[in-house]
Amino acid sequence: MNRVARVVHPIEQESYRRLRTRLDTSHFPPLTRAVVERVIHSAADLEYATDLVMAEDDLVKAHAALHAGAPVVVDVEMVGAGITRRETVCRLGDATAGPGLTRSAHGIRLAYEQVGPGALWVIGNAPTALEELLTLDASPALVIGLPVGFVGAVESKEALRASGLPAVSNVSEKGGSAVASAALNALLYHPVSSEETP
């Protein structure tokens, strides 16, 4: 697959320079550093450096799967709009709420029926979407679980970490579409090494 090098705007370069003068990220492994920095960049919130939870080994495998063409599923269109250079699947528009099932959760079910196992899931809005994903046998390449809010967000992210699935999450109520898409973009933008090429 031919990949066109991404051109980084001077404003983004300066933003990263300033970020690194305020926070030393050099101790993070490469992909973890990429995710931490891009999430912080998206939110201008340095606290994400200690709030995010992820494992480099999971990111390495997810990075390879992503660049090998694994589907990317998002819980809401806003997350998809923030993911550049990649098509995403979002089924929220086809979903309906029912007894004990939110529209967001139903959208996740529909997306799983469409893509099957092995996708990268990016959830930045609804805790119920993340909770529903955890009930499915999705065998994800990665779950970026960063829903935001005071009701259910912390608990859904705790459940994600307890599940043992490869994941990027955070401990606090913070999150949202911008940071979730930023975490995925970090993996998209990171160079592919010869060892990862399938």
N, C-alpha and C. Protein backbone atom coordinates (compact mmCIF):
# COMPACT_ATOMS: atom_id res chain seq x y z
N MET A 1 0.84 -1.18 0.00
CA MET A 1 0.00 0.00 0.00
C MET A 1 0.88 1.24 0.00
N ASN A 2 0.65 2.14 -0.96
CA ASN A 2 1.40 3.39 -1.00
C ASN A 2 0.80 4.38 -0.02
N ARG A 3 1.65 4.97 0.79
CA ARG A 3 1.18 5.94 1.78
C ARG A 3 1.80 7.30 1.47
N VAL A 4 0.95 8.32 1.41
CA VAL A 4 1.41 9.68 1.19
C VAL A 4 1.79 10.26 2.56
N ALA A 5 2.97 10.84 2.64
CA ALA A 5 3.42 11.42 3.90
C ALA A 5 2.49 12.55 4.30
N ARG A 6 2.18 12.60 5.59
CA ARG A 6 1.31 13.65 6.11
C ARG A 6 2.12 14.93 6.28
N VAL A 7 1.57 16.04 5.78
CA VAL A 7 2.22 17.34 5.92
C VAL A 7 1.70 17.97 7.21
N VAL A 8 2.61 18.29 8.11
CA VAL A 8 2.24 18.87 9.40
C VAL A 8 2.28 20.39 9.30
N HIS A 9 1.17 21.03 9.63
CA HIS A 9 1.06 22.49 9.56
C HIS A 9 1.99 23.12 10.61
N PRO A 10 2.58 24.28 10.30
CA PRO A 10 3.47 24.95 11.26
C PRO A 10 2.80 25.24 12.61
N ILE A 11 1.51 25.53 12.62
CA ILE A 11 0.82 25.78 13.90
C ILE A 11 0.83 24.51 14.75
N GLU A 12 0.59 23.37 14.12
CA GLU A 12 0.62 22.11 14.87
C GLU A 12 2.04 21.84 15.38
N GLN A 13 3.04 22.09 14.55
CA GLN A 13 4.43 21.90 14.99
C GLN A 13 4.74 22.76 16.21
N GLU A 14 4.30 24.01 16.18
CA GLU A 14 4.55 24.91 17.30
C GLU A 14 3.77 24.48 18.54
N SER A 15 2.58 23.98 18.34
CA SER A 15 1.77 23.50 19.47
C SER A 15 2.46 22.34 20.17
N TYR A 16 2.99 21.42 19.39
CA TYR A 16 3.71 20.28 19.98
C TYR A 16 5.00 20.74 20.66
N ARG A 17 5.67 21.72 20.08
CA ARG A 17 6.89 22.24 20.72
C ARG A 17 6.56 22.81 22.09
N ARG A 18 5.50 23.59 22.15
CA ARG A 18 5.10 24.19 23.42
C ARG A 18 4.65 23.13 24.42
N LEU A 19 3.90 22.14 23.93
CA LEU A 19 3.47 21.05 24.81
C LEU A 19 4.69 20.40 25.46
N ARG A 20 5.71 20.13 24.65
CA ARG A 20 6.90 19.42 25.17
C ARG A 20 7.75 20.29 26.08
N THR A 21 7.60 21.62 26.02
CA THR A 21 8.30 22.46 26.99
C THR A 21 7.59 22.44 28.34
N ARG A 22 6.33 22.09 28.34
CA ARG A 22 5.55 22.06 29.57
C ARG A 22 5.41 20.67 30.17
N LEU A 23 5.68 19.64 29.36
CA LEU A 23 5.50 18.27 29.83
C LEU A 23 6.54 17.38 29.16
N ASP A 24 7.29 16.64 29.96
CA ASP A 24 8.28 15.70 29.43
C ASP A 24 7.59 14.38 29.13
N THR A 25 7.48 14.05 27.86
CA THR A 25 6.85 12.79 27.45
C THR A 25 7.88 11.78 26.95
N SER A 26 9.16 12.11 27.10
CA SER A 26 10.21 11.28 26.52
C SER A 26 10.31 9.89 27.15
N HIS A 27 9.76 9.72 28.35
CA HIS A 27 9.85 8.42 29.02
C HIS A 27 8.81 7.43 28.51
N PHE A 28 7.82 7.90 27.75
CA PHE A 28 6.80 6.99 27.22
C PHE A 28 7.35 6.21 26.03
N PRO A 29 6.93 4.94 25.86
CA PRO A 29 7.27 4.23 24.62
C PRO A 29 6.63 4.93 23.42
N PRO A 30 7.11 4.65 22.20
CA PRO A 30 6.73 5.46 21.03
C PRO A 30 5.24 5.63 20.78
N LEU A 31 4.47 4.55 20.72
CA LEU A 31 3.05 4.70 20.42
C LEU A 31 2.28 5.28 21.59
N THR A 32 2.66 4.92 22.80
CA THR A 32 2.02 5.53 23.97
C THR A 32 2.26 7.03 23.96
N ARG A 33 3.48 7.42 23.68
CA ARG A 33 3.80 8.85 23.60
C ARG A 33 2.97 9.53 22.53
N ALA A 34 2.84 8.89 21.38
CA ALA A 34 2.06 9.48 20.29
C ALA A 34 0.61 9.70 20.72
N VAL A 35 0.01 8.71 21.38
CA VAL A 35 -1.37 8.84 21.83
C VAL A 35 -1.50 9.92 22.91
N VAL A 36 -0.63 9.87 23.91
CA VAL A 36 -0.69 10.85 25.00
C VAL A 36 -0.56 12.27 24.43
N GLU A 37 0.42 12.49 23.58
CA GLU A 37 0.64 13.84 23.06
C GLU A 37 -0.52 14.31 22.18
N ARG A 38 -1.05 13.43 21.34
CA ARG A 38 -2.14 13.87 20.46
C ARG A 38 -3.41 14.13 21.25
N VAL A 39 -3.69 13.32 22.27
CA VAL A 39 -4.86 13.58 23.11
C VAL A 39 -4.69 14.90 23.85
N ILE A 40 -3.53 15.13 24.43
CA ILE A 40 -3.28 16.41 25.12
C ILE A 40 -3.40 17.57 24.14
N HIS A 41 -2.85 17.41 22.96
CA HIS A 41 -2.93 18.45 21.94
C HIS A 41 -4.38 18.76 21.59
N SER A 42 -5.23 17.74 21.52
CA SER A 42 -6.62 17.94 21.12
C SER A 42 -7.44 18.66 22.18
N ALA A 43 -7.03 18.51 23.45
CA ALA A 43 -7.82 19.06 24.55
C ALA A 43 -7.11 20.18 25.31
N ALA A 44 -5.84 20.43 24.99
CA ALA A 44 -5.03 21.39 25.75
C ALA A 44 -5.11 21.10 27.24
N ASP A 45 -5.03 19.80 27.57
CA ASP A 45 -5.19 19.36 28.95
C ASP A 45 -4.04 18.42 29.31
N LEU A 46 -3.07 18.95 30.03
CA LEU A 46 -1.88 18.17 30.38
C LEU A 46 -2.18 17.03 31.34
N GLU A 47 -3.31 17.08 32.03
CA GLU A 47 -3.64 16.02 32.98
C GLU A 47 -3.85 14.67 32.32
N TYR A 48 -4.10 14.66 31.02
CA TYR A 48 -4.25 13.37 30.34
C TYR A 48 -2.98 12.52 30.43
N ALA A 49 -1.85 13.14 30.66
CA ALA A 49 -0.59 12.38 30.75
C ALA A 49 -0.63 11.36 31.87
N THR A 50 -1.35 11.65 32.93
CA THR A 50 -1.47 10.71 34.05
C THR A 50 -2.84 10.06 34.11
N ASP A 51 -3.79 10.54 33.33
CA ASP A 51 -5.16 10.03 33.35
C ASP A 51 -5.36 8.86 32.38
N LEU A 52 -4.62 8.87 31.28
CA LEU A 52 -4.78 7.82 30.26
C LEU A 52 -4.17 6.50 30.73
N VAL A 53 -4.79 5.40 30.30
CA VAL A 53 -4.31 4.05 30.62
C VAL A 53 -4.24 3.25 29.32
N MET A 54 -3.06 2.69 29.04
CA MET A 54 -2.87 1.88 27.83
C MET A 54 -1.59 1.07 27.97
N ALA A 55 -1.45 0.07 27.12
CA ALA A 55 -0.24 -0.76 27.11
C ALA A 55 0.40 -0.67 25.72
N GLU A 56 1.69 -0.45 25.68
CA GLU A 56 2.40 -0.31 24.40
C GLU A 56 2.22 -1.54 23.52
N ASP A 57 2.28 -2.74 24.09
CA ASP A 57 2.11 -3.95 23.28
C ASP A 57 0.76 -3.97 22.57
N ASP A 58 -0.29 -3.54 23.26
CA ASP A 58 -1.62 -3.47 22.63
C ASP A 58 -1.62 -2.47 21.49
N LEU A 59 -0.96 -1.35 21.70
CA LEU A 59 -0.92 -0.32 20.67
C LEU A 59 -0.14 -0.78 19.44
N VAL A 60 0.94 -1.52 19.66
CA VAL A 60 1.73 -2.03 18.53
C VAL A 60 0.87 -2.95 17.66
N LYS A 61 0.14 -3.85 18.29
CA LYS A 61 -0.72 -4.77 17.53
C LYS A 61 -1.85 -4.02 16.84
N ALA A 62 -2.44 -3.05 17.54
CA ALA A 62 -3.53 -2.28 16.96
C ALA A 62 -3.04 -1.43 15.79
N HIS A 63 -1.86 -0.86 15.94
CA HIS A 63 -1.26 -0.05 14.87
C HIS A 63 -1.09 -0.90 13.61
N ALA A 64 -0.58 -2.11 13.78
CA ALA A 64 -0.41 -3.01 12.64
C ALA A 64 -1.75 -3.36 12.01
N ALA A 65 -2.76 -3.66 12.84
CA ALA A 65 -4.08 -4.01 12.32
C ALA A 65 -4.70 -2.83 11.57
N LEU A 66 -4.58 -1.64 12.15
CA LEU A 66 -5.13 -0.45 11.52
C LEU A 66 -4.52 -0.23 10.14
N HIS A 67 -3.20 -0.34 10.05
CA HIS A 67 -2.53 -0.08 8.78
C HIS A 67 -2.65 -1.25 7.81
N ALA A 68 -3.13 -2.39 8.31
CA ALA A 68 -3.43 -3.51 7.42
C ALA A 68 -4.87 -3.45 6.91
N GLY A 69 -5.63 -2.45 7.36
CA GLY A 69 -6.97 -2.25 6.83
C GLY A 69 -8.11 -2.68 7.73
N ALA A 70 -7.86 -2.95 9.00
CA ALA A 70 -8.95 -3.32 9.91
C ALA A 70 -9.99 -2.19 9.95
N PRO A 71 -11.29 -2.55 10.03
CA PRO A 71 -12.32 -1.52 10.08
C PRO A 71 -12.20 -0.66 11.34
N VAL A 72 -12.64 0.58 11.23
CA VAL A 72 -12.70 1.49 12.37
C VAL A 72 -14.17 1.83 12.60
N VAL A 73 -14.64 1.52 13.80
CA VAL A 73 -16.04 1.78 14.17
C VAL A 73 -16.08 2.89 15.19
N VAL A 74 -17.01 3.83 15.02
CA VAL A 74 -17.17 4.94 15.96
C VAL A 74 -18.59 4.92 16.52
N ASP A 75 -18.75 5.47 17.72
CA ASP A 75 -20.08 5.46 18.32
C ASP A 75 -20.96 6.60 17.81
N VAL A 76 -20.35 7.72 17.44
CA VAL A 76 -21.12 8.86 16.92
C VAL A 76 -20.38 9.48 15.74
N GLU A 77 -21.13 10.17 14.90
CA GLU A 77 -20.54 10.79 13.71
C GLU A 77 -19.46 11.82 14.06
N MET A 78 -19.61 12.48 15.21
CA MET A 78 -18.62 13.48 15.61
C MET A 78 -17.24 12.85 15.78
N VAL A 79 -17.19 11.64 16.32
CA VAL A 79 -15.91 10.94 16.44
C VAL A 79 -15.37 10.64 15.04
N GLY A 80 -16.23 10.15 14.18
CA GLY A 80 -15.82 9.85 12.80
C GLY A 80 -15.33 11.08 12.07
N ALA A 81 -15.97 12.24 12.32
CA ALA A 81 -15.56 13.47 11.66
C ALA A 81 -14.15 13.89 12.07
N GLY A 82 -13.75 13.52 13.28
CA GLY A 82 -12.42 13.88 13.76
C GLY A 82 -11.32 12.95 13.29
N ILE A 83 -11.69 11.80 12.73
CA ILE A 83 -10.70 10.84 12.26
C ILE A 83 -10.39 11.14 10.81
N THR A 84 -9.17 11.52 10.55
CA THR A 84 -8.79 11.91 9.20
C THR A 84 -8.08 10.75 8.51
N ARG A 85 -8.13 10.77 7.21
CA ARG A 85 -7.40 9.79 6.40
C ARG A 85 -7.92 8.37 6.55
N ARG A 86 -9.14 8.21 7.02
CA ARG A 86 -9.67 6.84 7.17
C ARG A 86 -11.19 6.88 7.20
N GLU A 87 -11.83 5.97 6.47
CA GLU A 87 -13.28 5.82 6.54
C GLU A 87 -13.64 5.12 7.85
N THR A 88 -14.80 5.48 8.38
CA THR A 88 -15.26 4.86 9.62
C THR A 88 -16.67 4.33 9.43
N VAL A 89 -17.06 3.44 10.33
CA VAL A 89 -18.41 2.89 10.36
C VAL A 89 -19.12 3.47 11.57
N CYS A 90 -20.29 4.06 11.36
CA CYS A 90 -21.14 4.53 12.45
C CYS A 90 -22.57 4.17 12.11
N ARG A 91 -23.23 3.43 13.00
CA ARG A 91 -24.59 2.99 12.73
C ARG A 91 -25.62 3.67 13.64
N LEU A 92 -25.23 4.72 14.32
CA LEU A 92 -26.15 5.40 15.23
C LEU A 92 -27.38 5.89 14.49
N GLY A 93 -27.22 6.35 13.26
CA GLY A 93 -28.35 6.86 12.49
C GLY A 93 -29.39 5.81 12.17
N ASP A 94 -29.01 4.53 12.20
CA ASP A 94 -29.94 3.44 11.93
C ASP A 94 -30.53 2.84 13.20
N ALA A 95 -30.06 3.32 14.35
CA ALA A 95 -30.40 2.67 15.62
C ALA A 95 -31.67 3.27 16.24
N THR A 96 -32.31 2.47 17.07
CA THR A 96 -33.48 2.91 17.82
C THR A 96 -33.32 2.50 19.27
N ALA A 97 -33.90 3.28 20.14
CA ALA A 97 -33.90 2.93 21.56
C ALA A 97 -35.02 1.95 21.84
N GLY A 98 -34.82 1.13 22.85
CA GLY A 98 -35.85 0.18 23.27
C GLY A 98 -35.73 -0.05 24.75
N PRO A 99 -36.57 -0.92 25.29
CA PRO A 99 -36.50 -1.19 26.73
C PRO A 99 -35.11 -1.71 27.11
N GLY A 100 -34.43 -0.99 27.99
CA GLY A 100 -33.11 -1.41 28.45
C GLY A 100 -32.00 -1.26 27.42
N LEU A 101 -32.28 -0.54 26.32
CA LEU A 101 -31.28 -0.40 25.25
C LEU A 101 -31.33 1.03 24.72
N THR A 102 -30.22 1.75 24.90
CA THR A 102 -30.16 3.10 24.34
C THR A 102 -29.89 3.04 22.85
N ARG A 103 -30.14 4.16 22.18
CA ARG A 103 -29.81 4.24 20.75
C ARG A 103 -28.34 3.99 20.51
N SER A 104 -27.49 4.54 21.39
CA SER A 104 -26.05 4.36 21.24
C SER A 104 -25.67 2.88 21.33
N ALA A 105 -26.26 2.18 22.29
CA ALA A 105 -25.97 0.75 22.43
C ALA A 105 -26.46 -0.04 21.21
N HIS A 106 -27.64 0.31 20.71
CA HIS A 106 -28.15 -0.39 19.53
C HIS A 106 -27.26 -0.12 18.32
N GLY A 107 -26.76 1.11 18.21
CA GLY A 107 -25.84 1.43 17.10
C GLY A 107 -24.60 0.56 17.14
N ILE A 108 -24.10 0.28 18.34
CA ILE A 108 -22.93 -0.59 18.48
C ILE A 108 -23.26 -2.01 18.03
N ARG A 109 -24.44 -2.50 18.41
CA ARG A 109 -24.87 -3.84 17.96
C ARG A 109 -24.92 -3.91 16.44
N LEU A 110 -25.52 -2.91 15.84
CA LEU A 110 -25.63 -2.89 14.37
C LEU A 110 -24.26 -2.84 13.72
N ALA A 111 -23.36 -2.05 14.28
CA ALA A 111 -22.02 -1.96 13.72
C ALA A 111 -21.29 -3.29 13.82
N TYR A 112 -21.45 -3.98 14.94
CA TYR A 112 -20.80 -5.28 15.09
C TYR A 112 -21.35 -6.28 14.08
N GLU A 113 -22.66 -6.24 13.85
CA GLU A 113 -23.24 -7.13 12.83
C GLU A 113 -22.65 -6.84 11.45
N GLN A 114 -22.29 -5.59 11.20
CA GLN A 114 -21.71 -5.21 9.92
C GLN A 114 -20.25 -5.59 9.78
N VAL A 115 -19.44 -5.32 10.80
CA VAL A 115 -17.99 -5.48 10.64
C VAL A 115 -17.44 -6.77 11.23
N GLY A 116 -18.13 -7.38 12.19
CA GLY A 116 -17.63 -8.61 12.80
C GLY A 116 -16.42 -8.36 13.68
N PRO A 117 -15.67 -9.43 13.99
CA PRO A 117 -14.53 -9.29 14.90
C PRO A 117 -13.32 -8.62 14.24
N GLY A 118 -12.42 -8.12 15.10
CA GLY A 118 -11.14 -7.61 14.63
C GLY A 118 -11.07 -6.14 14.31
N ALA A 119 -12.14 -5.39 14.58
CA ALA A 119 -12.15 -3.96 14.28
C ALA A 119 -11.48 -3.16 15.39
N LEU A 120 -11.22 -1.90 15.08
CA LEU A 120 -10.84 -0.92 16.10
C LEU A 120 -12.10 -0.12 16.42
N TRP A 121 -12.43 -0.05 17.69
CA TRP A 121 -13.64 0.63 18.16
C TRP A 121 -13.25 1.92 18.86
N VAL A 122 -13.88 3.02 18.46
CA VAL A 122 -13.54 4.33 19.01
C VAL A 122 -14.81 4.94 19.61
N ILE A 123 -14.87 4.96 20.94
CA ILE A 123 -16.07 5.40 21.64
C ILE A 123 -15.72 6.63 22.47
N GLY A 124 -16.31 7.76 22.09
CA GLY A 124 -15.99 9.01 22.75
C GLY A 124 -17.18 9.73 23.32
N ASN A 125 -18.36 9.14 23.19
CA ASN A 125 -19.54 9.88 23.60
C ASN A 125 -20.33 9.16 24.70
N ALA A 126 -20.89 8.00 24.37
CA ALA A 126 -21.87 7.38 25.26
C ALA A 126 -21.29 6.22 26.04
N PRO A 127 -21.33 6.29 27.37
CA PRO A 127 -20.93 5.13 28.17
C PRO A 127 -21.71 3.87 27.83
N THR A 128 -22.99 4.03 27.46
CA THR A 128 -23.80 2.84 27.14
C THR A 128 -23.29 2.15 25.87
N ALA A 129 -22.67 2.91 24.97
CA ALA A 129 -22.08 2.29 23.78
C ALA A 129 -20.92 1.39 24.17
N LEU A 130 -20.08 1.88 25.08
CA LEU A 130 -18.96 1.08 25.56
C LEU A 130 -19.45 -0.13 26.34
N GLU A 131 -20.45 0.06 27.18
CA GLU A 131 -21.01 -1.06 27.94
C GLU A 131 -21.55 -2.14 27.00
N GLU A 132 -22.21 -1.73 25.93
CA GLU A 132 -22.77 -2.69 24.98
C GLU A 132 -21.66 -3.45 24.25
N LEU A 133 -20.61 -2.74 23.87
CA LEU A 133 -19.49 -3.40 23.19
C LEU A 133 -18.91 -4.51 24.06
N LEU A 134 -18.86 -4.27 25.36
CA LEU A 134 -18.28 -5.27 26.26
C LEU A 134 -19.13 -6.52 26.40
N THR A 135 -20.39 -6.46 25.95
CA THR A 135 -21.25 -7.66 25.98
C THR A 135 -21.11 -8.50 24.72
N LEU A 136 -20.45 -7.96 23.71
CA LEU A 136 -20.33 -8.65 22.42
C LEU A 136 -19.02 -9.42 22.34
N ASP A 137 -19.01 -10.41 21.49
CA ASP A 137 -17.78 -11.19 21.27
C ASP A 137 -17.02 -10.56 20.09
N ALA A 138 -16.61 -9.31 20.30
CA ALA A 138 -16.09 -8.51 19.19
C ALA A 138 -14.63 -8.79 18.87
N SER A 139 -13.88 -9.43 19.78
CA SER A 139 -12.45 -9.67 19.57
C SER A 139 -11.77 -8.47 18.93
N PRO A 140 -11.85 -7.30 19.56
CA PRO A 140 -11.36 -6.08 18.91
C PRO A 140 -9.85 -6.04 18.79
N ALA A 141 -9.38 -5.37 17.73
CA ALA A 141 -7.96 -5.07 17.64
C ALA A 141 -7.59 -4.05 18.71
N LEU A 142 -8.52 -3.15 19.02
CA LEU A 142 -8.33 -2.15 20.07
C LEU A 142 -9.67 -1.51 20.36
N VAL A 143 -9.88 -1.16 21.62
CA VAL A 143 -11.03 -0.34 22.00
C VAL A 143 -10.48 0.96 22.57
N ILE A 144 -10.77 2.06 21.90
CA ILE A 144 -10.48 3.37 22.45
C ILE A 144 -11.76 3.79 23.15
N GLY A 145 -11.77 3.62 24.47
CA GLY A 145 -12.95 3.88 25.27
C GLY A 145 -12.77 5.13 26.08
N LEU A 146 -13.22 6.25 25.54
CA LEU A 146 -13.05 7.55 26.21
C LEU A 146 -14.37 8.31 26.27
N PRO A 147 -15.46 7.64 26.67
CA PRO A 147 -16.72 8.38 26.80
C PRO A 147 -16.61 9.40 27.92
N VAL A 148 -17.41 10.44 27.81
CA VAL A 148 -17.34 11.56 28.74
C VAL A 148 -18.62 11.65 29.55
N GLY A 149 -18.54 12.13 30.77
CA GLY A 149 -19.75 12.41 31.52
C GLY A 149 -19.67 12.01 32.98
N PHE A 150 -20.68 12.47 33.71
CA PHE A 150 -20.74 12.20 35.14
C PHE A 150 -21.56 10.95 35.46
N VAL A 151 -22.29 10.42 34.47
CA VAL A 151 -23.11 9.24 34.71
C VAL A 151 -22.60 8.10 33.83
N GLY A 152 -21.98 7.13 34.44
CA GLY A 152 -21.59 5.91 33.73
C GLY A 152 -20.25 5.94 33.04
N ALA A 153 -19.65 7.10 32.84
CA ALA A 153 -18.40 7.16 32.08
C ALA A 153 -17.26 6.46 32.83
N VAL A 154 -17.07 6.82 34.08
CA VAL A 154 -15.99 6.21 34.86
C VAL A 154 -16.20 4.71 34.98
N GLU A 155 -17.44 4.32 35.26
CA GLU A 155 -17.74 2.89 35.46
C GLU A 155 -17.54 2.09 34.17
N SER A 156 -17.95 2.65 33.04
CA SER A 156 -17.78 1.92 31.78
C SER A 156 -16.31 1.75 31.44
N LYS A 157 -15.49 2.76 31.75
CA LYS A 157 -14.06 2.66 31.47
C LYS A 157 -13.38 1.69 32.44
N GLU A 158 -13.84 1.66 33.68
CA GLU A 158 -13.33 0.65 34.62
C GLU A 158 -13.65 -0.76 34.11
N ALA A 159 -14.88 -0.94 33.61
CA ALA A 159 -15.28 -2.24 33.08
C ALA A 159 -14.43 -2.62 31.87
N LEU A 160 -14.11 -1.65 31.03
CA LEU A 160 -13.25 -1.91 29.87
C LEU A 160 -11.89 -2.41 30.34
N ARG A 161 -11.29 -1.73 31.30
CA ARG A 161 -9.97 -2.16 31.79
C ARG A 161 -10.04 -3.54 32.44
N ALA A 162 -11.12 -3.81 33.17
CA ALA A 162 -11.28 -5.11 33.83
C ALA A 162 -11.50 -6.23 32.83
N SER A 163 -11.98 -5.89 31.62
CA SER A 163 -12.28 -6.92 30.62
C SER A 163 -11.03 -7.60 30.07
N GLY A 164 -9.89 -6.93 30.17
CA GLY A 164 -8.67 -7.48 29.60
C GLY A 164 -8.52 -7.25 28.11
N LEU A 165 -9.48 -6.57 27.48
CA LEU A 165 -9.38 -6.28 26.05
C LEU A 165 -8.28 -5.24 25.81
N PRO A 166 -7.64 -5.28 24.64
CA PRO A 166 -6.66 -4.23 24.32
C PRO A 166 -7.38 -2.89 24.25
N ALA A 167 -6.87 -1.92 24.99
CA ALA A 167 -7.67 -0.70 25.13
C ALA A 167 -6.82 0.53 25.41
N VAL A 168 -7.41 1.66 25.07
CA VAL A 168 -7.00 2.97 25.55
C VAL A 168 -8.18 3.51 26.32
N SER A 169 -7.97 3.87 27.58
CA SER A 169 -9.04 4.44 28.38
C SER A 169 -8.44 5.53 29.26
N ASN A 170 -9.28 6.09 30.12
CA ASN A 170 -8.78 7.02 31.12
C ASN A 170 -9.58 6.84 32.40
N VAL A 171 -9.03 7.33 33.49
CA VAL A 171 -9.59 7.06 34.81
C VAL A 171 -10.72 8.02 35.17
N SER A 172 -10.64 9.26 34.72
CA SER A 172 -11.59 10.29 35.15
C SER A 172 -12.84 10.32 34.28
N GLU A 173 -13.72 11.29 34.62
CA GLU A 173 -14.95 11.50 33.83
C GLU A 173 -14.66 12.13 32.47
N LYS A 174 -13.46 12.68 32.31
CA LYS A 174 -13.11 13.38 31.08
C LYS A 174 -13.11 12.40 29.90
N GLY A 175 -13.21 12.98 28.73
CA GLY A 175 -13.18 12.21 27.50
C GLY A 175 -13.87 13.02 26.42
N GLY A 176 -14.50 12.36 25.50
CA GLY A 176 -15.26 13.04 24.47
C GLY A 176 -14.78 12.72 23.06
N SER A 177 -15.55 13.19 22.11
CA SER A 177 -15.29 12.88 20.70
C SER A 177 -13.92 13.32 20.24
N ALA A 178 -13.50 14.52 20.62
CA ALA A 178 -12.22 15.05 20.13
C ALA A 178 -11.05 14.22 20.63
N VAL A 179 -11.06 13.83 21.91
CA VAL A 179 -9.93 13.07 22.42
C VAL A 179 -9.95 11.63 21.92
N ALA A 180 -11.14 11.07 21.73
CA ALA A 180 -11.22 9.70 21.20
C ALA A 180 -10.69 9.63 19.77
N SER A 181 -11.11 10.58 18.94
CA SER A 181 -10.60 10.59 17.57
C SER A 181 -9.11 10.91 17.53
N ALA A 182 -8.65 11.75 18.46
CA ALA A 182 -7.22 12.06 18.52
C ALA A 182 -6.39 10.82 18.82
N ALA A 183 -6.88 9.98 19.72
CA ALA A 183 -6.15 8.74 20.05
C ALA A 183 -6.02 7.84 18.83
N LEU A 184 -7.08 7.74 18.04
CA LEU A 184 -7.02 6.92 16.83
C LEU A 184 -6.10 7.56 15.80
N ASN A 185 -6.20 8.89 15.65
CA ASN A 185 -5.33 9.59 14.70
C ASN A 185 -3.86 9.41 15.03
N ALA A 186 -3.54 9.33 16.33
CA ALA A 186 -2.15 9.12 16.72
C ALA A 186 -1.61 7.83 16.11
N LEU A 187 -2.44 6.81 16.08
CA LEU A 187 -2.02 5.53 15.48
C LEU A 187 -1.99 5.62 13.96
N LEU A 188 -2.92 6.37 13.40
CA LEU A 188 -2.93 6.55 11.94
C LEU A 188 -1.70 7.29 11.46
N TYR A 189 -1.30 8.33 12.19
CA TYR A 189 -0.20 9.17 11.75
C TYR A 189 1.16 8.58 12.04
N HIS A 190 1.24 7.65 12.97
CA HIS A 190 2.55 7.11 13.36
C HIS A 190 3.09 6.25 12.23
N PRO A 191 4.37 6.40 11.89
CA PRO A 191 4.94 5.65 10.77
C PRO A 191 4.82 4.14 10.96
N VAL A 192 4.72 3.45 9.85
CA VAL A 192 4.69 1.99 9.86
C VAL A 192 6.10 1.49 9.67
N SER A 193 6.57 0.67 10.60
CA SER A 193 7.92 0.10 10.48
C SER A 193 7.86 -1.16 9.63
N SER A 194 9.01 -1.58 9.12
CA SER A 194 9.05 -2.77 8.28
C SER A 194 8.64 -4.01 9.06
N GLU A 195 8.86 -4.00 10.40
CA GLU A 195 8.50 -5.17 11.20
C GLU A 195 7.00 -5.34 11.32
N GLU A 196 6.25 -4.23 11.17
CA GLU A 196 4.80 -4.29 11.34
C GLU A 196 4.10 -4.61 10.05
N THR A 197 4.76 -4.45 8.91
CA THR A 197 4.09 -4.64 7.64
C THR A 197 3.72 -6.11 7.46
N PRO A 198 2.41 -6.37 7.25
CA PRO A 198 1.99 -7.77 7.11
C PRO A 198 2.48 -8.38 5.80
